[in-house]
Amino acid sequence: MKIALVQMNPTIGDFAGNAAKIRRGVEQARSQGADLVVFPEMALVGYPPRDLLDRHGFVDRSRRHWEEIARASRGTAVLCGAVAHNPEPYGKPLHNVALWFEDGSLRQVIRKRLLPSYDVFDEERYFEPGREPGVVTCLGRRIGVSICEDVWTRPDYLPRPLYRVDPVADLRSAGMEVLINIAASPYHVGKARWVGDLLRDHALRCAVPVIYVNQVGGNDELIFQGHSMAWGADGALLACGADFREDLILLDLERPRPMPETPPVEAAAEVLEALVLGLRDYAQKCGFRDVVLGLSGGIDSAVTACIARLALGPEHVLAVALPGPYNAPESLEDARALAANLGVRFAVVPIHDLFRAARETLQPVFADREPDVTEENIQARLRGLLLMALSNKFGSLVLNTGNKSELAVGYCTLYGDMNGGMSVLGDVPKTLVYRLADHVNRRYGWIPERIVTRPPSAELRPDQRDQDSLPPYPLLDAILAAYVEERRSFEEICADGYDPEVVRWVLRRVDGNEYKRWQAPPVLRVTTKAFGSGRRCPIAHRYREE
């Protein structure tokens, strides 16, 4: 039996476009001799559709395309993810399903049994879980069909069991000879290797080949890596799909050829690919051809500009220097040099006159109060105003250039440098930003050395440095990782040897700036816990870790 694994990049709600991709995938696989073609979870709908599922007609309109997929299955069986109505008079109205097409008709509907409702997932909000294991027969083989979370049951890979049922064990009891898992599993750093270990464990425990077909592409803040895989019953890797691009992999179960496992990719290289894909898909799926960003001469905006150039091409990027009264001449020089290296469009729009006018306008109300952070924030907000004006005038997407470290502790200005339609680095800690810059320079040589070596500064007051207001970034990022991503307590973090006063300061800043993050643009997710839909903290509360 030859099975084609088709990792495709769907657009949420583009049923016609997604169905056309499915048909093309079937045709390509058939031309290579495939007996079965497997597509990801919700390939027809796009994942995650969220509250579009509540729209009257959404599911029915997607269902109109089932027939054309059925027609494509003549001579080649098709397994495809979709959404279906719950036929029972009770429970949630929908099911997350895998559709089994064969010989020109729909033969079976397999319902997802385990519905994740944590982090970025909220499937219990919409779906009723399936009750029975899904087994189909193809060329005499009994194939166990599972959908994404259905295989996330091994206690060795979870902090605690989340479910009382084990769909893989049920499929094994039902006599499956092959396990297929169709998935839309979002990316984070290092996840592919973790998933591979989980799937290999299932293969060894069940003594059957395991095939995993994952979605690829970006949908809103979520990025999907692809990296579809197949493992033999002996735990050998039989196939592996590309990272961060569509791919078709043909697997011959009768003549499996084990392949060497590739060494782990450098984290910075992997994250760069993920962010490029996430930005490209967000812009294109939202209808933006061009982006605009402020280019300050600092490392965050430099890395963001490089990602934009890789994602969209230099002709679609406008980089704008917005010098003010406290910017060093080197900042403009470095911004100009970077723009030239990238080949992107470059403009200089000073804020001196606007800043002077704002201060004069506010002086009668400010009276004799001394300058403070207010004047610093006015500069940031003027820059945000100008970038949004360029966005309005030319129809470009404004890219936010802030990093996760700053967003975590509120070292950013609401309605100023927090402006934007997409935050490219909002889940990238400052220390990883430097690693991204190093990787970009080793590969492309774009970023001027002075941008990397100069001490980071917002340049909103004389001789300002980030380290005047923040702990050293390596220390800050370590505490933030422990608190935000690992969800550790004040006492647990201090037990690792960190200064309690520094830990207390960081935790208070994180908790006290939740209101800012509620108003931040969407953040491309690359860690296990990003600021976005997967982290839901109240603003008005009095709980403190210490």
Foldseek 3Di string as FASTA:
>chain_A
DKEKFWAEAAFALPQVVLLVVLLVQLVVCVVVPAQEYEYFAASNHGPPNPCVLVDPPSQVVNVVSPQVSLQSQQRHKYWYWHKDADPDPDAAGIFGWIWIHHNSDTDDIGGAADADPAFLGNRSVHHDHDDAWDWDAGPRFTETEHEACLLVADPVLDPHGDDPDRNLVRVLVVPHQEYEYHYADFAAQPVLVSVLVSQLVSLQVSLHKYWYFYHAFADFQTGGFGQTWIAHSVSFTQDTDHTRHIDMDMADPVDGDGDDDDDDDDRLVNLLSRLLRHVLRVCVSVPALAEEEEQQLALLVLLVQVSRCSNRNQARYEYEYADEDQRDPNRVVQSVQLNVLSVHHYYYHYCHVVLVVVCVVCCVVCPPDDDDCVSLLVSQLVQLVVNVVVCVVPVHWYEQRDACLCLQLVVDHFNGSLDTQEYSHNQPQPVSSLVNVVVCCVVRVRGDPCNSPPADAPRSDHPGGPVVPAPPRVVSVVLCCCCFVVVDFLVVVVVVPDDSVNSQSSQCSNLQNLVRLVVGHGYNDHHNGGSDSNDDDDNDDDDDRD
